[in-house]
PDB file of N, CA and C in Angstrom:
ATOM      1  N   MET A   1     109.457-123.945  41.189  1.00  0.00           N
ATOM      2  CA  MET A   1     110.382-122.817  41.420  1.00  0.00           C
ATOM      3  C   MET A   1     109.793-121.623  40.793  1.00  0.00           C
ATOM      4  N   GLU A   2     110.020-120.415  41.722  1.00  0.00           N
ATOM      5  CA  GLU A   2     108.326-119.125  41.350  1.00  0.00           C
ATOM      6  C   GLU A   2     109.337-118.288  40.931  1.00  0.00           C
ATOM      7  N   CYS A   3     109.117-117.651  39.600  1.00  0.00           N
ATOM      8  CA  CYS A   3     109.581-116.074  38.878  1.00  0.00           C
ATOM      9  C   CYS A   3     109.354-114.849  40.311  1.00  0.00           C
ATOM     10  N   SER A   4     110.393-114.008  40.609  1.00  0.00           N
ATOM     11  CA  SER A   4     110.591-112.774  40.765  1.00  0.00           C
ATOM     12  C   SER A   4     110.369-111.567  40.172  1.00  0.00           C
ATOM     13  N   THR A   5     109.596-111.131  40.638  1.00  0.00           N
ATOM     14  CA  THR A   5     108.694-109.878  39.925  1.00  0.00           C
ATOM     15  C   THR A   5     109.345-108.423  39.897  1.00  0.00           C
ATOM     16  N   THR A   6     109.776-108.642  40.951  1.00  0.00           N
ATOM     17  CA  THR A   6     110.737-107.727  41.635  1.00  0.00           C
ATOM     18  C   THR A   6     111.980-106.967  40.630  1.00  0.00           C
ATOM     19  N   THR A   7     111.823-105.437  40.786  1.00  0.00           N
ATOM     20  CA  THR A   7     112.545-104.821  40.567  1.00  0.00           C
ATOM     21  C   THR A   7     113.586-104.275  41.088  1.00  0.00           C
ATOM     22  N   HIS A   8     115.353-103.904  40.760  1.00  0.00           N
ATOM     23  CA  HIS A   8     115.841-102.654  41.148  1.00  0.00           C
ATOM     24  C   HIS A   8     115.462-101.622  41.732  1.00  0.00           C
ATOM     25  N   GLU A   9     115.900-100.641  42.424  1.00  0.00           N
ATOM     26  CA  GLU A   9     115.534 -99.324  42.763  1.00  0.00           C
ATOM     27  C   GLU A   9     115.252 -98.153  41.556  1.00  0.00           C
ATOM     28  N   GLY A  10     114.649 -98.043  40.733  1.00  0.00           N
ATOM     29  CA  GLY A  10     114.300 -96.855  40.242  1.00  0.00           C
ATOM     30  C   GLY A  10     114.257 -97.587  38.883  1.00  0.00           C
ATOM     31  N   ALA A  11     114.166 -98.389  38.900  1.00  0.00           N
ATOM     32  CA  ALA A  11     113.690 -99.145  37.112  1.00  0.00           C
ATOM     33  C   ALA A  11     111.896 -98.886  37.085  1.00  0.00           C
ATOM     34  N   PRO A  12     111.765 -98.616  36.248  1.00  0.00           N
ATOM     35  CA  PRO A  12     110.357 -99.017  35.685  1.00  0.00           C
ATOM     36  C   PRO A  12     109.560 -99.729  35.942  1.00  0.00           C
ATOM     37  N   PRO A  13     108.592-100.381  36.389  1.00  0.00           N
ATOM     38  CA  PRO A  13     107.701-101.640  36.461  1.00  0.00           C
ATOM     39  C   PRO A  13     107.948-102.222  35.225  1.00  0.00           C
ATOM     40  N   LEU A  14     108.047-103.337  35.885  1.00  0.00           N
ATOM     41  CA  LEU A  14     107.775-104.884  34.539  1.00  0.00           C
ATOM     42  C   LEU A  14     106.542-104.915  33.117  1.00  0.00           C
ATOM     43  N   GLY A  15     107.572-104.919  32.486  1.00  0.00           N
ATOM     44  CA  GLY A  15     106.263-104.481  31.044  1.00  0.00           C
ATOM     45  C   GLY A  15     106.532-103.241  30.971  1.00  0.00           C
ATOM     46  N   GLN A  16     107.288-102.083  31.616  1.00  0.00           N
ATOM     47  CA  GLN A  16     106.734-100.401  30.691  1.00  0.00           C
ATOM     48  C   GLN A  16     108.340-100.612  29.452  1.00  0.00           C
ATOM     49  N   ARG A  17     108.121-100.076  28.464  1.00  0.00           N
ATOM     50  CA  ARG A  17     109.215-100.035  27.702  1.00  0.00           C
ATOM     51  C   ARG A  17     109.421 -98.860  27.377  1.00  0.00           C
ATOM     52  N   ASN A  18     110.473 -97.780  26.710  1.00  0.00           N
ATOM     53  CA  ASN A  18     110.464 -96.401  26.097  1.00  0.00           C
ATOM     54  C   ASN A  18     110.864 -96.781  24.937  1.00  0.00           C
ATOM     55  N   TYR A  19     110.370 -96.901  24.710  1.00  0.00           N
ATOM     56  CA  TYR A  19     109.896 -96.715  22.838  1.00  0.00           C
ATOM     57  C   TYR A  19     110.474 -95.719  21.886  1.00  0.00           C
ATOM     58  N   ALA A  20     110.615 -94.719  22.750  1.00  0.00           N
ATOM     59  CA  ALA A  20     111.776 -93.540  21.931  1.00  0.00           C
ATOM     60  C   ALA A  20     112.861 -94.481  22.335  1.00  0.00           C
ATOM     61  N   LEU A  21     113.751 -94.682  23.416  1.00  0.00           N
ATOM     62  CA  LEU A  21     114.693 -95.239  23.026  1.00  0.00           C
ATOM     63  C   LEU A  21     115.100 -96.369  22.491  1.00  0.00           C
ATOM     64  N   ASP A  22     114.374 -97.635  22.524  1.00  0.00           N
ATOM     65  CA  ASP A  22     114.254 -99.210  21.433  1.00  0.00           C
ATOM     66  C   ASP A  22     114.411 -98.233  20.026  1.00  0.00           C
ATOM     67  N   GLY A  23     113.347 -97.017  19.826  1.00  0.00           N
ATOM     68  CA  GLY A  23     114.042 -96.525  18.307  1.00  0.00           C
ATOM     69  C   GLY A  23     114.835 -96.140  17.626  1.00  0.00           C
ATOM     70  N   LEU A  24     115.488 -94.957  19.406  1.00  0.00           N
ATOM     71  CA  LEU A  24     116.616 -94.839  18.992  1.00  0.00           C
ATOM     72  C   LEU A  24     118.027 -95.414  18.323  1.00  0.00           C
ATOM     73  N   ARG A  25     117.555 -97.405  19.498  1.00  0.00           N
ATOM     74  CA  ARG A  25     118.930 -98.234  18.887  1.00  0.00           C
ATOM     75  C   ARG A  25     118.339 -98.312  18.065  1.00  0.00           C
ATOM     76  N   GLY A  26     117.532 -98.717  17.670  1.00  0.00           N
ATOM     77  CA  GLY A  26     116.972 -99.651  15.718  1.00  0.00           C
ATOM     78  C   GLY A  26     117.805 -99.348  14.913  1.00  0.00           C
ATOM     79  N   LEU A  27     117.825 -97.312  14.930  1.00  0.00           N
ATOM     80  CA  LEU A  27     118.122 -96.412  14.161  1.00  0.00           C
ATOM     81  C   LEU A  27     119.781 -96.949  14.199  1.00  0.00           C
ATOM     82  N   ALA A  28     120.552 -96.574  15.572  1.00  0.00           N
ATOM     83  CA  ALA A  28     121.994 -96.756  15.412  1.00  0.00           C
ATOM     84  C   ALA A  28     122.354 -98.203  14.757  1.00  0.00           C
ATOM     85  N   ALA A  29     121.449 -99.234  15.049  1.00  0.00           N
ATOM     86  CA  ALA A  29     121.862-100.689  14.369  1.00  0.00           C
ATOM     87  C   ALA A  29     121.335-100.806  12.874  1.00  0.00           C
ATOM     88  N   LEU A  30     120.708 -99.995  12.191  1.00  0.00           N
ATOM     89  CA  LEU A  30     120.170 -99.434  10.789  1.00  0.00           C
ATOM     90  C   LEU A  30     121.328 -98.824  10.432  1.00  0.00           C
ATOM     91  N   ALA A  31     122.179 -97.494  11.219  1.00  0.00           N
ATOM     92  CA  ALA A  31     123.299 -97.139  10.983  1.00  0.00           C
ATOM     93  C   ALA A  31     124.268 -98.277  10.645  1.00  0.00           C
ATOM     94  N   VAL A  32     124.693 -98.740  11.413  1.00  0.00           N
ATOM     95  CA  VAL A  32     125.560 -99.841  11.646  1.00  0.00           C
ATOM     96  C   VAL A  32     125.938-100.767  10.489  1.00  0.00           C
ATOM     97  N   ALA A  33     124.602-101.418   9.836  1.00  0.00           N
ATOM     98  CA  ALA A  33     124.513-102.454   9.308  1.00  0.00           C
ATOM     99  C   ALA A  33     124.886-100.966   7.887  1.00  0.00           C
ATOM    100  N   LEU A  34     123.720-100.312   7.727  1.00  0.00           N
ATOM    101  CA  LEU A  34     124.265 -99.034   6.034  1.00  0.00           C
ATOM    102  C   LEU A  34     125.722 -99.110   6.121  1.00  0.00           C
ATOM    103  N   SER A  35     126.682 -98.691   7.023  1.00  0.00           N
ATOM    104  CA  SER A  35     127.533 -98.167   7.474  1.00  0.00           C
ATOM    105  C   SER A  35     128.436 -99.329   7.116  1.00  0.00           C
ATOM    106  N   HIS A  36     128.362-100.714   6.888  1.00  0.00           N
ATOM    107  CA  HIS A  36     128.732-101.517   6.481  1.00  0.00           C
ATOM    108  C   HIS A  36     129.054-102.216   5.096  1.00  0.00           C
ATOM    109  N   CYS A  37     127.179-102.054   4.980  1.00  0.00           N
ATOM    110  CA  CYS A  37     127.441-101.835   3.289  1.00  0.00           C
ATOM    111  C   CYS A  37     127.556-100.784   2.460  1.00  0.00           C
ATOM    112  N   ASN A  38     127.743-100.149   2.783  1.00  0.00           N
ATOM    113  CA  ASN A  38     128.592 -98.623   2.036  1.00  0.00           C
ATOM    114  C   ASN A  38     130.330 -99.479   1.891  1.00  0.00           C
ATOM    115  N   LEU A  39     131.030-100.211   3.097  1.00  0.00           N
ATOM    116  CA  LEU A  39     131.850-100.080   3.276  1.00  0.00           C
ATOM    117  C   LEU A  39     132.532-101.529   1.842  1.00  0.00           C
ATOM    118  N   ALA A  40     131.761-102.260   2.625  1.00  0.00           N
ATOM    119  CA  ALA A  40     131.544-103.491   1.312  1.00  0.00           C
ATOM    120  C   ALA A  40     131.721-102.743  -0.190  1.00  0.00           C
ATOM    121  N   VAL A  41     130.795-101.783  -0.417  1.00  0.00           N
ATOM    122  CA  VAL A  41     130.524-101.119  -1.552  1.00  0.00           C
ATOM    123  C   VAL A  41     131.186-100.691  -1.892  1.00  0.00           C
ATOM    124  N   SER A  42     131.896-100.086  -1.119  1.00  0.00           N
ATOM    125  CA  SER A  42     132.805 -98.558  -2.016  1.00  0.00           C
ATOM    126  C   SER A  42     134.611 -99.383  -1.437  1.00  0.00           C
ATOM    127  N   GLY A  43     134.505-100.391  -0.926  1.00  0.00           N
ATOM    128  CA  GLY A  43     135.942-100.322  -0.921  1.00  0.00           C
ATOM    129  C   GLY A  43     136.362 -99.968  -0.059  1.00  0.00           C
ATOM    130  N   SER A  44     138.435-100.392   0.892  1.00  0.00           N
ATOM    131  CA  SER A  44     138.732 -99.521   2.335  1.00  0.00           C
ATOM    132  C   SER A  44     139.337 -98.835   1.517  1.00  0.00           C
ATOM    133  N   ALA A  45     140.050 -99.400  -0.086  1.00  0.00           N
ATOM    134  CA  ALA A  45     140.829 -97.850  -0.687  1.00  0.00           C
ATOM    135  C   ALA A  45     140.050 -95.863  -0.457  1.00  0.00           C
ATOM    136  N   VAL A  46     138.707 -96.316  -0.634  1.00  0.00           N
ATOM    137  CA  VAL A  46     138.185 -94.567  -0.217  1.00  0.00           C
ATOM    138  C   VAL A  46     138.263 -93.724   0.362  1.00  0.00           C
ATOM    139  N   TRP A  47     138.262 -94.974   1.891  1.00  0.00           N
ATOM    140  CA  TRP A  47     137.952 -94.295   3.301  1.00  0.00           C
ATOM    141  C   TRP A  47     140.015 -93.591   3.548  1.00  0.00           C
ATOM    142  N   VAL A  48     140.414 -93.703   2.735  1.00  0.00           N
ATOM    143  CA  VAL A  48     141.711 -93.034   3.226  1.00  0.00           C
ATOM    144  C   VAL A  48     141.625 -91.947   2.246  1.00  0.00           C
ATOM    145  N   LEU A  49     140.724 -91.201   1.399  1.00  0.00           N
ATOM    146  CA  LEU A  49     140.929 -90.234   0.870  1.00  0.00           C
ATOM    147  C   LEU A  49     140.689 -88.680   1.505  1.00  0.00           C
ATOM    148  N   THR A  50     141.181 -87.771   1.381  1.00  0.00           N
ATOM    149  CA  THR A  50     141.322 -86.845   1.758  1.00  0.00           C
ATOM    150  C   THR A  50     140.466 -85.650   1.226  1.00  0.00           C
ATOM    151  N   LEU A  51     139.782 -84.253   1.405  1.00  0.00           N
ATOM    152  CA  LEU A  51     138.538 -84.165   0.432  1.00  0.00           C
ATOM    153  C   LEU A  51     139.435 -83.480  -1.038  1.00  0.00           C
ATOM    154  N   PRO A  52     140.744 -82.722  -0.588  1.00  0.00           N
ATOM    155  CA  PRO A  52     141.180 -82.477  -2.277  1.00  0.00           C
ATOM    156  C   PRO A  52     141.093 -83.719  -3.087  1.00  0.00           C
ATOM    157  N   GLU A  53     141.664 -84.899  -2.581  1.00  0.00           N
ATOM    158  CA  GLU A  53     141.580 -85.915  -3.663  1.00  0.00           C
ATOM    159  C   GLU A  53     140.215 -86.309  -3.749  1.00  0.00           C
ATOM    160  N   LEU A  54     138.936 -85.883  -3.094  1.00  0.00           N
ATOM    161  CA  LEU A  54     137.998 -86.209  -3.992  1.00  0.00           C
ATOM    162  C   LEU A  54     137.449 -86.052  -5.346  1.00  0.00           C
ATOM    163  N   PRO A  55     137.658 -84.653  -5.653  1.00  0.00           N
ATOM    164  CA  PRO A  55     137.108 -84.451  -7.625  1.00  0.00           C
ATOM    165  C   PRO A  55     137.325 -85.188  -8.308  1.00  0.00           C
ATOM    166  N   GLY A  56     138.411 -86.320  -7.927  1.00  0.00           N
ATOM    167  CA  GLY A  56     139.063 -86.844  -8.682  1.00  0.00           C
ATOM    168  C   GLY A  56     138.911 -88.352  -9.245  1.00  0.00           C
ATOM    169  N   HIS A  57     138.159 -88.389  -8.305  1.00  0.00           N
ATOM    170  CA  HIS A  57     137.605 -90.210  -8.145  1.00  0.00           C
ATOM    171  C   HIS A  57     136.122 -90.192  -9.197  1.00  0.00           C
ATOM    172  N   PRO A  58     135.529 -91.280  -9.217  1.00  0.00           N
ATOM    173  CA  PRO A  58     134.658 -91.894  -9.758  1.00  0.00           C
ATOM    174  C   PRO A  58     133.358 -91.414  -8.618  1.00  0.00           C
ATOM    175  N   PHE A  59     132.331 -90.615  -9.599  1.00  0.00           N
ATOM    176  CA  PHE A  59     130.904 -90.053  -8.291  1.00  0.00           C
ATOM    177  C   PHE A  59     130.695 -91.236  -7.213  1.00  0.00           C
ATOM    178  N   GLY A  60     130.165 -92.404  -7.629  1.00  0.00           N
ATOM    179  CA  GLY A  60     130.133 -93.299  -6.751  1.00  0.00           C
ATOM    180  C   GLY A  60     131.092 -93.246  -5.739  1.00  0.00           C
ATOM    181  N   ASP A  61     131.825 -92.991  -5.790  1.00  0.00           N
ATOM    182  CA  ASP A  61     133.327 -93.163  -4.413  1.00  0.00           C
ATOM    183  C   ASP A  61     133.356 -92.176  -3.870  1.00  0.00           C
ATOM    184  N   VAL A  62     132.841 -91.037  -4.078  1.00  0.00           N
ATOM    185  CA  VAL A  62     132.842 -89.458  -3.593  1.00  0.00           C
ATOM    186  C   VAL A  62     131.404 -89.829  -3.176  1.00  0.00           C
ATOM    187  N   VAL A  63     130.861 -90.230  -3.516  1.00  0.00           N
ATOM    188  CA  VAL A  63     128.768 -90.539  -2.840  1.00  0.00           C
ATOM    189  C   VAL A  63     129.110 -91.006  -1.482  1.00  0.00           C
ATOM    190  N   GLY A  64     129.816 -92.491  -1.268  1.00  0.00           N
ATOM    191  CA  GLY A  64     130.175 -93.047  -0.468  1.00  0.00           C
ATOM    192  C   GLY A  64     130.722 -93.104   0.587  1.00  0.00           C
ATOM    193  N   ARG A  65     131.855 -92.003  -0.007  1.00  0.00           N
ATOM    194  CA  ARG A  65     132.353 -91.755   1.196  1.00  0.00           C
ATOM    195  C   ARG A  65     131.955 -90.604   2.393  1.00  0.00           C
ATOM    196  N   LEU A  66     131.039 -89.481   1.687  1.00  0.00           N
ATOM    197  CA  LEU A  66     130.204 -88.458   1.807  1.00  0.00           C
ATOM    198  C   LEU A  66     128.777 -89.617   2.898  1.00  0.00           C
ATOM    199  N   ALA A  67     128.442 -90.361   2.335  1.00  0.00           N
ATOM    200  CA  ALA A  67     127.646 -91.273   2.909  1.00  0.00           C
ATOM    201  C   ALA A  67     127.751 -91.435   4.515  1.00  0.00           C
ATOM    202  N   TYR A  68     128.961 -91.859   4.525  1.00  0.00           N
ATOM    203  CA  TYR A  68     129.323 -92.348   5.768  1.00  0.00           C
ATOM    204  C   TYR A  68     129.190 -90.497   6.975  1.00  0.00           C
ATOM    205  N   LEU A  69     129.035 -89.477   6.170  1.00  0.00           N
ATOM    206  CA  LEU A  69     128.737 -88.785   6.958  1.00  0.00           C
ATOM    207  C   LEU A  69     126.710 -88.936   7.418  1.00  0.00           C
ATOM    208  N   LEU A  70     126.774 -89.222   7.467  1.00  0.00           N
ATOM    209  CA  LEU A  70     124.547 -89.522   7.294  1.00  0.00           C
ATOM    210  C   LEU A  70     124.607 -90.759   8.211  1.00  0.00           C
ATOM    211  N   PHE A  71     125.685 -91.728   8.204  1.00  0.00           N
ATOM    212  CA  PHE A  71     125.704 -93.284   8.605  1.00  0.00           C
ATOM    213  C   PHE A  71     127.058 -93.421   9.405  1.00  0.00           C
ATOM    214  N   PRO A  72     127.433 -92.513   9.940  1.00  0.00           N
ATOM    215  CA  PRO A  72     128.868 -92.658  10.673  1.00  0.00           C
ATOM    216  C   PRO A  72     128.713 -93.956  11.935  1.00  0.00           C
ATOM    217  N   GLY A  73     129.294 -95.166  11.473  1.00  0.00           N
ATOM    218  CA  GLY A  73     129.248 -96.529  11.793  1.00  0.00           C
ATOM    219  C   GLY A  73     129.971 -96.600  13.194  1.00  0.00           C
ATOM    220  N   ASP A  74     130.785 -95.791  13.535  1.00  0.00           N
ATOM    221  CA  ASP A  74     131.777 -95.508  14.617  1.00  0.00           C
ATOM    222  C   ASP A  74     130.958 -95.621  15.798  1.00  0.00           C
ATOM    223  N   ALA A  75     130.146 -94.510  15.629  1.00  0.00           N
ATOM    224  CA  ALA A  75     129.879 -93.090  16.536  1.00  0.00           C
ATOM    225  C   ALA A  75     128.516 -93.963  16.679  1.00  0.00           C
ATOM    226  N   ALA A  76     128.138 -94.998  15.579  1.00  0.00           N
ATOM    227  CA  ALA A  76     125.962 -95.586  15.927  1.00  0.00           C
ATOM    228  C   ALA A  76     126.490 -96.665  17.181  1.00  0.00           C
ATOM    229  N   VAL A  77     127.656 -97.978  16.666  1.00  0.00           N
ATOM    230  CA  VAL A  77     128.051 -98.740  17.201  1.00  0.00           C
ATOM    231  C   VAL A  77     128.812 -98.655  18.599  1.00  0.00           C
ATOM    232  N   THR A  78     129.149 -97.638  19.258  1.00  0.00           N
ATOM    233  CA  THR A  78     128.855 -97.212  20.819  1.00  0.00           C
ATOM    234  C   THR A  78     127.375 -97.023  21.204  1.00  0.00           C
ATOM    235  N   LEU A  79     126.668 -96.046  20.366  1.00  0.00           N
ATOM    236  CA  LEU A  79     125.678 -95.382  20.690  1.00  0.00           C
ATOM    237  C   LEU A  79     124.755 -96.414  21.071  1.00  0.00           C
ATOM    238  N   PHE A  80     124.331 -97.658  20.642  1.00  0.00           N
ATOM    239  CA  PHE A  80     123.604 -98.949  20.252  1.00  0.00           C
ATOM    240  C   PHE A  80     124.182 -99.283  21.340  1.00  0.00           C
ATOM    241  N   PHE A  81     125.393-100.050  21.939  1.00  0.00           N
ATOM    242  CA  PHE A  81     125.464-100.913  22.781  1.00  0.00           C
ATOM    243  C   PHE A  81     125.497 -99.628  24.417  1.00  0.00           C
ATOM    244  N   VAL A  82     125.370 -98.501  24.681  1.00  0.00           N
ATOM    245  CA  VAL A  82     125.014 -97.904  25.464  1.00  0.00           C
ATOM    246  C   VAL A  82     123.492 -98.210  25.281  1.00  0.00           C
ATOM    247  N   LEU A  83     123.131 -97.528  24.519  1.00  0.00           N
ATOM    248  CA  LEU A  83     121.670 -97.747  24.640  1.00  0.00           C
ATOM    249  C   LEU A  83     120.866 -98.964  24.957  1.00  0.00           C
ATOM    250  N   SER A  84     121.525-100.092  24.624  1.00  0.00           N
ATOM    251  CA  SER A  84     121.412-101.246  24.776  1.00  0.00           C
ATOM    252  C   SER A  84     121.505-101.684  26.497  1.00  0.00           C
ATOM    253  N   GLY A  85     123.091-101.077  27.144  1.00  0.00           N
ATOM    254  CA  GLY A  85     122.972-100.949  28.572  1.00  0.00           C
ATOM    255  C   GLY A  85     122.062-100.476  29.475  1.00  0.00           C
ATOM    256  N   HIS A  86     121.405 -99.318  28.807  1.00  0.00           N
ATOM    257  CA  HIS A  86     120.502 -98.862  29.791  1.00  0.00           C
ATOM    258  C   HIS A  86     118.560 -99.409  29.386  1.00  0.00           C
ATOM    259  N   VAL A  87     118.945 -99.514  28.166  1.00  0.00           N
ATOM    260  CA  VAL A  87     117.199-100.537  28.279  1.00  0.00           C
ATOM    261  C   VAL A  87     117.069-101.769  29.183  1.00  0.00           C
ATOM    262  N   LEU A  88     117.728-102.369  28.395  1.00  0.00           N
ATOM    263  CA  LEU A  88     117.999-103.763  28.719  1.00  0.00           C
ATOM    264  C   LEU A  88     118.612-103.979  30.211  1.00  0.00           C
ATOM    265  N   TRP A  89     118.907-103.217  31.339  1.00  0.00           N
ATOM    266  CA  TRP A  89     119.199-102.808  32.306  1.00  0.00           C
ATOM    267  C   TRP A  89     118.214-103.351  33.262  1.00  0.00           C
TER     268      TRP A  89
END
């Protein structure tokens, strides 16, 4: 059985990858992993705190909650799946 090397219309030739999108996909995967680690370390109770309640909690909890701004796991999951669909298409 022969392997076909034809691509659909508008697709780059086989063997050519967009490394910028691959890198962005990798960063999204890393942000998801770091978000999960942050949740495992800080626990789920920290995630229901509002901004005025943060000063009364330990420094580690506050830093963990604010780390979500750098590693927003839910947005990174969406970005990862959208890029995966595009890159692997």
